[in-house]
């Protein structure tokens, strides 16, 4: 009985942690999209649209859940790897 209760508690804990990661990941994505818009507004009109599209491409190709997990583990190298992959996916955009 105790083992089942412990197993159930562990599963519930993992579900809660997963939901927390997803919420934090979504929040980070929304912040980055807002940053894209704010930066684009500061640029000359002739480059604004292209820069905003590139920025949004990077946001769309970023695995925010992987970033949140890496940050929670203190893995700065993994965070940079995820961000680099997103930037590379958007070259030429």
PDB file of N, CA and C in Angstrom:
ATOM      1  N   UNK A   1       0.823  -1.190   0.000  1.00  0.00           N
ATOM      2  CA  UNK A   1       0.000   0.000   0.000  1.00  0.00           C
ATOM      3  C   UNK A   1       0.872   1.260   0.000  1.00  0.00           C
ATOM      4  N   UNK A   2       1.919   1.249   0.827  1.00  0.00           N
ATOM      5  CA  UNK A   2       2.804   2.416   0.896  1.00  0.00           C
ATOM      6  C   UNK A   2       3.524   2.633  -0.427  1.00  0.00           C
ATOM      7  N   UNK A   3       3.920   1.523  -1.071  1.00  0.00           N
ATOM      8  CA  UNK A   3       4.621   1.643  -2.348  1.00  0.00           C
ATOM      9  C   UNK A   3       3.714   2.243  -3.416  1.00  0.00           C
ATOM     10  N   UNK A   4       2.455   1.836  -3.426  1.00  0.00           N
ATOM     11  CA  UNK A   4       1.514   2.385  -4.398  1.00  0.00           C
ATOM     12  C   UNK A   4       1.288   3.869  -4.154  1.00  0.00           C
ATOM     13  N   UNK A   5       1.188   4.230  -2.895  1.00  0.00           N
ATOM     14  CA  UNK A   5       0.988   5.628  -2.533  1.00  0.00           C
ATOM     15  C   UNK A   5       2.201   6.474  -2.929  1.00  0.00           C
ATOM     16  N   UNK A   6       3.399   5.939  -2.700  1.00  0.00           N
ATOM     17  CA  UNK A   6       4.618   6.650  -3.097  1.00  0.00           C
ATOM     18  C   UNK A   6       4.700   6.791  -4.612  1.00  0.00           C
ATOM     19  N   UNK A   7       4.360   5.726  -5.315  1.00  0.00           N
ATOM     20  CA  UNK A   7       4.394   5.768  -6.781  1.00  0.00           C
ATOM     21  C   UNK A   7       3.387   6.783  -7.307  1.00  0.00           C
ATOM     22  N   UNK A   8       2.198   6.787  -6.737  1.00  0.00           N
ATOM     23  CA  UNK A   8       1.176   7.738  -7.153  1.00  0.00           C
ATOM     24  C   UNK A   8       1.614   9.169  -6.860  1.00  0.00           C
ATOM     25  N   UNK A   9       2.213   9.376  -5.715  1.00  0.00           N
ATOM     26  CA  UNK A   9       2.719  10.703  -5.353  1.00  0.00           C
ATOM     27  C   UNK A   9       3.797  11.158  -6.324  1.00  0.00           C
ATOM     28  N   UNK A  10       4.658  10.248  -6.714  1.00  0.00           N
ATOM     29  CA  UNK A  10       5.722  10.579  -7.668  1.00  0.00           C
ATOM     30  C   UNK A  10       5.138  10.965  -9.018  1.00  0.00           C
ATOM     31  N   UNK A  11       4.136  10.222  -9.471  1.00  0.00           N
ATOM     32  CA  UNK A  11       3.503  10.522 -10.758  1.00  0.00           C
ATOM     33  C   UNK A  11       2.829  11.889 -10.703  1.00  0.00           C
ATOM     34  N   UNK A  12       2.113  12.147  -9.638  1.00  0.00           N
ATOM     35  CA  UNK A  12       1.451  13.445  -9.492  1.00  0.00           C
ATOM     36  C   UNK A  12       2.485  14.562  -9.468  1.00  0.00           C
ATOM     37  N   UNK A  13       3.575  14.360  -8.780  1.00  0.00           N
ATOM     38  CA  UNK A  13       4.644  15.353  -8.742  1.00  0.00           C
ATOM     39  C   UNK A  13       5.221  15.628 -10.113  1.00  0.00           C
ATOM     40  N   UNK A  14       5.409  14.580 -10.900  1.00  0.00           N
ATOM     41  CA  UNK A  14       5.949  14.749 -12.254  1.00  0.00           C
ATOM     42  C   UNK A  14       4.968  15.495 -13.149  1.00  0.00           C
ATOM     43  N   UNK A  15       3.694  15.207 -13.003  1.00  0.00           N
ATOM     44  CA  UNK A  15       2.679  15.898 -13.799  1.00  0.00           C
ATOM     45  C   UNK A  15       2.666  17.383 -13.448  1.00  0.00           C
ATOM     46  N   UNK A  16       2.713  17.679 -12.168  1.00  0.00           N
ATOM     47  CA  UNK A  16       2.727  19.081 -11.730  1.00  0.00           C
ATOM     48  C   UNK A  16       3.985  19.782 -12.242  1.00  0.00           C
ATOM     49  N   UNK A  17       5.131  19.122 -12.141  1.00  0.00           N
ATOM     50  CA  UNK A  17       6.381  19.715 -12.627  1.00  0.00           C
ATOM     51  C   UNK A  17       6.321  19.936 -14.133  1.00  0.00           C
ATOM     52  N   UNK A  18       5.770  18.971 -14.864  1.00  0.00           N
ATOM     53  CA  UNK A  18       5.646  19.109 -16.315  1.00  0.00           C
ATOM     54  C   UNK A  18       4.756  20.268 -16.699  1.00  0.00           C
ATOM     55  N   UNK A  19       3.659  20.427 -15.975  1.00  0.00           N
ATOM     56  CA  UNK A  19       2.754  21.543 -16.225  1.00  0.00           C
ATOM     57  C   UNK A  19       3.443  22.867 -15.925  1.00  0.00           C
ATOM     58  N   UNK A  20       4.210  22.883 -14.863  1.00  0.00           N
ATOM     59  CA  UNK A  20       4.945  24.092 -14.496  1.00  0.00           C
ATOM     60  C   UNK A  20       5.947  24.457 -15.588  1.00  0.00           C
ATOM     61  N   UNK A  21       6.683  23.464 -16.101  1.00  0.00           N
ATOM     62  CA  UNK A  21       7.635  23.715 -17.186  1.00  0.00           C
ATOM     63  C   UNK A  21       6.915  24.272 -18.407  1.00  0.00           C
ATOM     64  N   UNK A  22       5.767  23.681 -18.742  1.00  0.00           N
ATOM     65  CA  UNK A  22       5.018  24.124 -19.917  1.00  0.00           C
ATOM     66  C   UNK A  22       4.545  25.562 -19.752  1.00  0.00           C
ATOM     67  N   UNK A  23       4.044  25.890 -18.571  1.00  0.00           N
ATOM     68  CA  UNK A  23       3.586  27.264 -18.315  1.00  0.00           C
ATOM     69  C   UNK A  23       4.747  28.250 -18.387  1.00  0.00           C
ATOM     70  N   UNK A  24       5.870  27.870 -17.806  1.00  0.00           N
ATOM     71  CA  UNK A  24       7.037  28.754 -17.826  1.00  0.00           C
ATOM     72  C   UNK A  24       7.573  28.901 -19.249  1.00  0.00           C
ATOM     73  N   UNK A  25       7.557  27.791 -20.001  1.00  0.00           N
ATOM     74  CA  UNK A  25       8.023  27.828 -21.387  1.00  0.00           C
ATOM     75  C   UNK A  25       7.139  28.751 -22.217  1.00  0.00           C
ATOM     76  N   UNK A  26       5.830  28.659 -22.030  1.00  0.00           N
ATOM     77  CA  UNK A  26       4.908  29.516 -22.771  1.00  0.00           C
ATOM     78  C   UNK A  26       5.116  30.980 -22.400  1.00  0.00           C
ATOM     79  N   UNK A  27       5.344  31.230 -21.141  1.00  0.00           N
ATOM     80  CA  UNK A  27       5.592  32.595 -20.676  1.00  0.00           C
ATOM     81  C   UNK A  27       6.855  33.164 -21.311  1.00  0.00           C
ATOM     82  N   UNK A  28       7.919  32.351 -21.367  1.00  0.00           N
ATOM     83  CA  UNK A  28       9.170  32.800 -21.993  1.00  0.00           C
ATOM     84  C   UNK A  28       8.958  33.096 -23.479  1.00  0.00           C
ATOM     85  N   UNK A  29       8.190  32.250 -24.146  1.00  0.00           N
ATOM     86  CA  UNK A  29       7.929  32.461 -25.567  1.00  0.00           C
ATOM     87  C   UNK A  29       7.170  33.768 -25.784  1.00  0.00           C
ATOM     88  N   UNK A  30       6.157  34.022 -24.973  1.00  0.00           N
ATOM     89  CA  UNK A  30       5.392  35.261 -25.102  1.00  0.00           C
ATOM     90  C   UNK A  30       6.270  36.485 -24.847  1.00  0.00           C
ATOM     91  N   UNK A  31       7.153  36.388 -23.856  1.00  0.00           N
ATOM     92  CA  UNK A  31       8.072  37.498 -23.573  1.00  0.00           C
ATOM     93  C   UNK A  31       8.974  37.760 -24.768  1.00  0.00           C
ATOM     94  N   UNK A  32       9.486  36.685 -25.370  1.00  0.00           N
ATOM     95  CA  UNK A  32      10.379  36.852 -26.520  1.00  0.00           C
ATOM     96  C   UNK A  32       9.637  37.453 -27.715  1.00  0.00           C
ATOM     97  N   UNK A  33       8.383  37.059 -27.919  1.00  0.00           N
ATOM     98  CA  UNK A  33       7.603  37.646 -29.010  1.00  0.00           C
ATOM     99  C   UNK A  33       7.382  39.144 -28.775  1.00  0.00           C
ATOM    100  N   UNK A  34       7.121  39.516 -27.533  1.00  0.00           N
ATOM    101  CA  UNK A  34       6.962  40.932 -27.210  1.00  0.00           C
ATOM    102  C   UNK A  34       8.265  41.696 -27.420  1.00  0.00           C
ATOM    103  N   UNK A  35       9.376  41.050 -27.087  1.00  0.00           N
ATOM    104  CA  UNK A  35      10.686  41.669 -27.307  1.00  0.00           C
ATOM    105  C   UNK A  35      10.930  41.871 -28.798  1.00  0.00           C
ATOM    106  N   UNK A  36      10.537  40.895 -29.619  1.00  0.00           N
ATOM    107  CA  UNK A  36      10.676  41.035 -31.076  1.00  0.00           C
ATOM    108  C   UNK A  36       9.939  42.275 -31.562  1.00  0.00           C
ATOM    109  N   UNK A  37       8.719  42.428 -31.104  1.00  0.00           N
ATOM    110  CA  UNK A  37       7.911  43.575 -31.522  1.00  0.00           C
ATOM    111  C   UNK A  37       8.533  44.895 -31.063  1.00  0.00           C
ATOM    112  N   UNK A  38       8.981  44.926 -29.825  1.00  0.00           N
ATOM    113  CA  UNK A  38       9.573  46.153 -29.282  1.00  0.00           C
ATOM    114  C   UNK A  38      10.849  46.529 -30.033  1.00  0.00           C
ATOM    115  N   UNK A  39      11.690  45.549 -30.314  1.00  0.00           N
ATOM    116  CA  UNK A  39      12.930  45.830 -31.046  1.00  0.00           C
ATOM    117  C   UNK A  39      12.638  46.284 -32.464  1.00  0.00           C
ATOM    118  N   UNK A  40      11.656  45.647 -33.107  1.00  0.00           N
ATOM    119  CA  UNK A  40      11.327  46.006 -34.483  1.00  0.00           C
ATOM    120  C   UNK A  40      10.844  47.449 -34.575  1.00  0.00           C
ATOM    121  N   UNK A  41      10.103  47.892 -33.591  1.00  0.00           N
ATOM    122  CA  UNK A  41       9.579  49.263 -33.597  1.00  0.00           C
ATOM    123  C   UNK A  41      10.698  50.299 -33.533  1.00  0.00           C
ATOM    124  N   UNK A  42      11.852  49.914 -33.031  1.00  0.00           N
ATOM    125  CA  UNK A  42      12.978  50.844 -32.909  1.00  0.00           C
ATOM    126  C   UNK A  42      13.826  50.917 -34.172  1.00  0.00           C
ATOM    127  N   UNK A  43      13.563  50.046 -35.123  1.00  0.00           N
ATOM    128  CA  UNK A  43      14.362  49.985 -36.344  1.00  0.00           C
ATOM    129  C   UNK A  43      13.769  50.858 -37.433  1.00  0.00           C
ATOM    130  N   UNK A  44      14.616  51.242 -38.405  1.00  0.00           N
ATOM    131  CA  UNK A  44      14.094  51.975 -39.563  1.00  0.00           C
ATOM    132  C   UNK A  44      13.062  51.106 -40.295  1.00  0.00           C
ATOM    133  N   UNK A  45      12.073  51.740 -40.849  1.00  0.00           N
ATOM    134  CA  UNK A  45      10.962  51.032 -41.475  1.00  0.00           C
ATOM    135  C   UNK A  45      11.404  50.049 -42.556  1.00  0.00           C
ATOM    136  N   UNK A  46      12.448  50.397 -43.302  1.00  0.00           N
ATOM    137  CA  UNK A  46      12.868  49.537 -44.418  1.00  0.00           C
ATOM    138  C   UNK A  46      13.441  48.185 -43.970  1.00  0.00           C
ATOM    139  N   UNK A  47      13.857  48.050 -42.728  1.00  0.00           N
ATOM    140  CA  UNK A  47      14.389  46.761 -42.245  1.00  0.00           C
ATOM    141  C   UNK A  47      13.519  46.143 -41.151  1.00  0.00           C
ATOM    142  N   UNK A  48      12.527  46.877 -40.719  1.00  0.00           N
ATOM    143  CA  UNK A  48      11.693  46.450 -39.590  1.00  0.00           C
ATOM    144  C   UNK A  48      11.002  45.100 -39.829  1.00  0.00           C
ATOM    145  N   UNK A  49      10.326  44.962 -40.960  1.00  0.00           N
ATOM    146  CA  UNK A  49       9.553  43.748 -41.229  1.00  0.00           C
ATOM    147  C   UNK A  49      10.458  42.515 -41.319  1.00  0.00           C
ATOM    148  N   UNK A  50      11.565  42.645 -42.043  1.00  0.00           N
ATOM    149  CA  UNK A  50      12.484  41.507 -42.186  1.00  0.00           C
ATOM    150  C   UNK A  50      13.055  41.099 -40.825  1.00  0.00           C
ATOM    151  N   UNK A  51      13.457  42.062 -40.039  1.00  0.00           N
ATOM    152  CA  UNK A  51      14.024  41.766 -38.720  1.00  0.00           C
ATOM    153  C   UNK A  51      12.990  41.109 -37.814  1.00  0.00           C
ATOM    154  N   UNK A  52      11.754  41.598 -37.866  1.00  0.00           N
ATOM    155  CA  UNK A  52      10.717  41.020 -37.020  1.00  0.00           C
ATOM    156  C   UNK A  52      10.403  39.592 -37.451  1.00  0.00           C
ATOM    157  N   UNK A  53      10.367  39.334 -38.747  1.00  0.00           N
ATOM    158  CA  UNK A  53      10.119  37.971 -39.236  1.00  0.00           C
ATOM    159  C   UNK A  53      11.228  37.023 -38.797  1.00  0.00           C
ATOM    160  N   UNK A  54      12.466  37.483 -38.874  1.00  0.00           N
ATOM    161  CA  UNK A  54      13.593  36.658 -38.435  1.00  0.00           C
ATOM    162  C   UNK A  54      13.494  36.373 -36.940  1.00  0.00           C
ATOM    163  N   UNK A  55      13.198  37.395 -36.190  1.00  0.00           N
ATOM    164  CA  UNK A  55      13.075  37.239 -34.739  1.00  0.00           C
ATOM    165  C   UNK A  55      11.952  36.254 -34.396  1.00  0.00           C
ATOM    166  N   UNK A  56      10.796  36.401 -35.057  1.00  0.00           N
ATOM    167  CA  UNK A  56       9.675  35.500 -34.807  1.00  0.00           C
ATOM    168  C   UNK A  56       9.998  34.069 -35.241  1.00  0.00           C
ATOM    169  N   UNK A  57      10.776  33.920 -36.298  1.00  0.00           N
ATOM    170  CA  UNK A  57      11.214  32.594 -36.732  1.00  0.00           C
ATOM    171  C   UNK A  57      12.038  31.927 -35.633  1.00  0.00           C
ATOM    172  N   UNK A  58      12.940  32.691 -35.056  1.00  0.00           N
ATOM    173  CA  UNK A  58      13.779  32.156 -33.971  1.00  0.00           C
ATOM    174  C   UNK A  58      12.907  31.740 -32.792  1.00  0.00           C
ATOM    175  N   UNK A  59      11.948  32.568 -32.439  1.00  0.00           N
ATOM    176  CA  UNK A  59      11.045  32.233 -31.335  1.00  0.00           C
ATOM    177  C   UNK A  59      10.272  30.954 -31.659  1.00  0.00           C
ATOM    178  N   UNK A  60       9.754  30.869 -32.880  1.00  0.00           N
ATOM    179  CA  UNK A  60       8.967  29.691 -33.275  1.00  0.00           C
ATOM    180  C   UNK A  60       9.802  28.410 -33.299  1.00  0.00           C
ATOM    181  N   UNK A  61      11.091  28.534 -33.543  1.00  0.00           N
ATOM    182  CA  UNK A  61      11.967  27.360 -33.623  1.00  0.00           C
ATOM    183  C   UNK A  61      12.705  27.061 -32.325  1.00  0.00           C
ATOM    184  N   UNK A  62      12.423  27.816 -31.288  1.00  0.00           N
ATOM    185  CA  UNK A  62      13.078  27.612 -29.997  1.00  0.00           C
ATOM    186  C   UNK A  62      12.274  26.628 -29.158  1.00  0.00           C
ATOM    187  N   UNK A  63      12.949  25.642 -28.602  1.00  0.00           N
ATOM    188  CA  UNK A  63      12.327  24.659 -27.714  1.00  0.00           C
ATOM    189  C   UNK A  63      12.375  25.216 -26.292  1.00  0.00           C
ATOM    190  N   UNK A  64      11.351  25.972 -25.944  1.00  0.00           N
ATOM    191  CA  UNK A  64      11.332  26.647 -24.641  1.00  0.00           C
ATOM    192  C   UNK A  64      11.248  25.672 -23.475  1.00  0.00           C
ATOM    193  N   UNK A  65      10.601  24.542 -23.675  1.00  0.00           N
ATOM    194  CA  UNK A  65      10.546  23.554 -22.591  1.00  0.00           C
ATOM    195  C   UNK A  65      11.948  23.016 -22.294  1.00  0.00           C
ATOM    196  N   UNK A  66      12.740  22.809 -23.344  1.00  0.00           N
ATOM    197  CA  UNK A  66      14.120  22.351 -23.143  1.00  0.00           C
ATOM    198  C   UNK A  66      14.941  23.439 -22.438  1.00  0.00           C
ATOM    199  N   UNK A  67      14.672  24.685 -22.763  1.00  0.00           N
ATOM    200  CA  UNK A  67      15.385  25.785 -22.105  1.00  0.00           C
ATOM    201  C   UNK A  67      15.035  25.843 -20.625  1.00  0.00           C
ATOM    202  N   UNK A  68      13.751  25.742 -20.310  1.00  0.00           N
ATOM    203  CA  UNK A  68      13.320  25.789 -18.911  1.00  0.00           C
ATOM    204  C   UNK A  68      13.943  24.641 -18.127  1.00  0.00           C
ATOM    205  N   UNK A  69      13.943  23.458 -18.721  1.00  0.00           N
ATOM    206  CA  UNK A  69      14.532  22.299 -18.044  1.00  0.00           C
ATOM    207  C   UNK A  69      16.033  22.497 -17.847  1.00  0.00           C
ATOM    208  N   UNK A  70      16.720  22.960 -18.880  1.00  0.00           N
ATOM    209  CA  UNK A  70      18.165  23.180 -18.776  1.00  0.00           C
ATOM    210  C   UNK A  70      18.480  24.249 -17.732  1.00  0.00           C
ATOM    211  N   UNK A  71      17.688  25.309 -17.720  1.00  0.00           N
ATOM    212  CA  UNK A  71      17.909  26.367 -16.727  1.00  0.00           C
ATOM    213  C   UNK A  71      17.694  25.839 -15.307  1.00  0.00           C
ATOM    214  N   UNK A  72      16.686  25.000 -15.138  1.00  0.00           N
ATOM    215  CA  UNK A  72      16.424  24.467 -13.796  1.00  0.00           C
ATOM    216  C   UNK A  72      17.537  23.528 -13.344  1.00  0.00           C
ATOM    217  N   UNK A  73      18.254  22.944 -14.314  1.00  0.00           N
ATOM    218  CA  UNK A  73      19.385  22.070 -13.999  1.00  0.00           C
ATOM    219  C   UNK A  73      20.712  22.824 -13.983  1.00  0.00           C
ATOM    220  N   UNK A  74      20.667  24.114 -14.273  1.00  0.00           N
ATOM    221  CA  UNK A  74      21.889  24.912 -14.300  1.00  0.00           C
ATOM    222  C   UNK A  74      22.786  24.616 -15.487  1.00  0.00           C
ATOM    223  N   UNK A  75      22.191  24.122 -16.587  1.00  0.00           N
ATOM    224  CA  UNK A  75      22.961  23.721 -17.758  1.00  0.00           C
ATOM    225  C   UNK A  75      22.960  24.838 -18.808  1.00  0.00           C
ATOM    226  N   UNK A  76      23.822  25.813 -18.609  1.00  0.00           N
ATOM    227  CA  UNK A  76      23.899  26.969 -19.509  1.00  0.00           C
ATOM    228  C   UNK A  76      24.311  26.556 -20.923  1.00  0.00           C
ATOM    229  N   UNK A  77      25.132  25.530 -21.039  1.00  0.00           N
ATOM    230  CA  UNK A  77      25.571  25.066 -22.359  1.00  0.00           C
ATOM    231  C   UNK A  77      24.381  24.542 -23.165  1.00  0.00           C
ATOM    232  N   UNK A  78      23.478  23.833 -22.516  1.00  0.00           N
ATOM    233  CA  UNK A  78      22.290  23.305 -23.197  1.00  0.00           C
ATOM    234  C   UNK A  78      21.384  24.450 -23.634  1.00  0.00           C
ATOM    235  N   UNK A  79      21.240  25.461 -22.800  1.00  0.00           N
ATOM    236  CA  UNK A  79      20.428  26.637 -23.154  1.00  0.00           C
ATOM    237  C   UNK A  79      20.987  27.266 -24.428  1.00  0.00           C
ATOM    238  N   UNK A  80      22.288  27.472 -24.470  1.00  0.00           N
ATOM    239  CA  UNK A  80      22.916  28.069 -25.650  1.00  0.00           C
ATOM    240  C   UNK A  80      22.770  27.182 -26.881  1.00  0.00           C
ATOM    241  N   UNK A  81      22.864  25.867 -26.679  1.00  0.00           N
ATOM    242  CA  UNK A  81      22.707  24.923 -27.796  1.00  0.00           C
ATOM    243  C   UNK A  81      21.308  25.046 -28.406  1.00  0.00           C
ATOM    244  N   UNK A  82      20.288  25.102 -27.572  1.00  0.00           N
ATOM    245  CA  UNK A  82      18.909  25.229 -28.050  1.00  0.00           C
ATOM    246  C   UNK A  82      18.726  26.541 -28.801  1.00  0.00           C
ATOM    247  N   UNK A  83      19.256  27.620 -28.250  1.00  0.00           N
ATOM    248  CA  UNK A  83      19.128  28.933 -28.897  1.00  0.00           C
ATOM    249  C   UNK A  83      19.881  28.975 -30.221  1.00  0.00           C
ATOM    250  N   UNK A  84      21.053  28.358 -30.265  1.00  0.00           N
ATOM    251  CA  UNK A  84      21.845  28.328 -31.496  1.00  0.00           C
ATOM    252  C   UNK A  84      21.118  27.553 -32.589  1.00  0.00           C
ATOM    253  N   UNK A  85      20.521  26.418 -32.235  1.00  0.00           N
ATOM    254  CA  UNK A  85      19.765  25.636 -33.223  1.00  0.00           C
ATOM    255  C   UNK A  85      18.614  26.448 -33.802  1.00  0.00           C
ATOM    256  N   UNK A  86      17.942  27.201 -32.961  1.00  0.00           N
ATOM    257  CA  UNK A  86      16.826  28.031 -33.437  1.00  0.00           C
ATOM    258  C   UNK A  86      17.325  29.104 -34.402  1.00  0.00           C
ATOM    259  N   UNK A  87      18.442  29.751 -34.057  1.00  0.00           N
ATOM    260  CA  UNK A  87      18.996  30.787 -34.943  1.00  0.00           C
ATOM    261  C   UNK A  87      19.425  30.184 -36.272  1.00  0.00           C
ATOM    262  N   UNK A  88      20.043  29.007 -36.225  1.00  0.00           N
ATOM    263  CA  UNK A  88      20.497  28.364 -37.452  1.00  0.00           C
ATOM    264  C   UNK A  88      19.320  27.971 -38.349  1.00  0.00           C
ATOM    265  N   UNK A  89      18.211  27.600 -37.745  1.00  0.00           N
ATOM    266  CA  UNK A  89      17.027  27.225 -38.518  1.00  0.00           C
ATOM    267  C   UNK A  89      16.442  28.412 -39.271  1.00  0.00           C
ATOM    268  N   UNK A  90      16.799  29.614 -38.852  1.00  0.00           N
ATOM    269  CA  UNK A  90      16.212  30.819 -39.433  1.00  0.00           C
ATOM    270  C   UNK A  90      17.179  31.619 -40.287  1.00  0.00           C
ATOM    271  N   UNK A  91      18.310  31.082 -40.570  1.00  0.00           N
ATOM    272  CA  UNK A  91      19.253  31.805 -41.427  1.00  0.00           C
ATOM    273  C   UNK A  91      18.644  32.002 -42.803  1.00  0.00           C
ATOM    274  N   UNK A  92      18.780  33.206 -43.286  1.00  0.00           N
ATOM    275  CA  UNK A  92      18.242  33.527 -44.607  1.00  0.00           C
ATOM    276  C   UNK A  92      16.772  33.914 -44.574  1.00  0.00           C
ATOM    277  N   UNK A  93      16.189  33.955 -43.373  1.00  0.00           N
ATOM    278  CA  UNK A  93      14.761  34.346 -43.278  1.00  0.00           C
ATOM    279  C   UNK A  93      14.586  35.824 -43.470  1.00  0.00           C
TER     280      UNK A  93
END
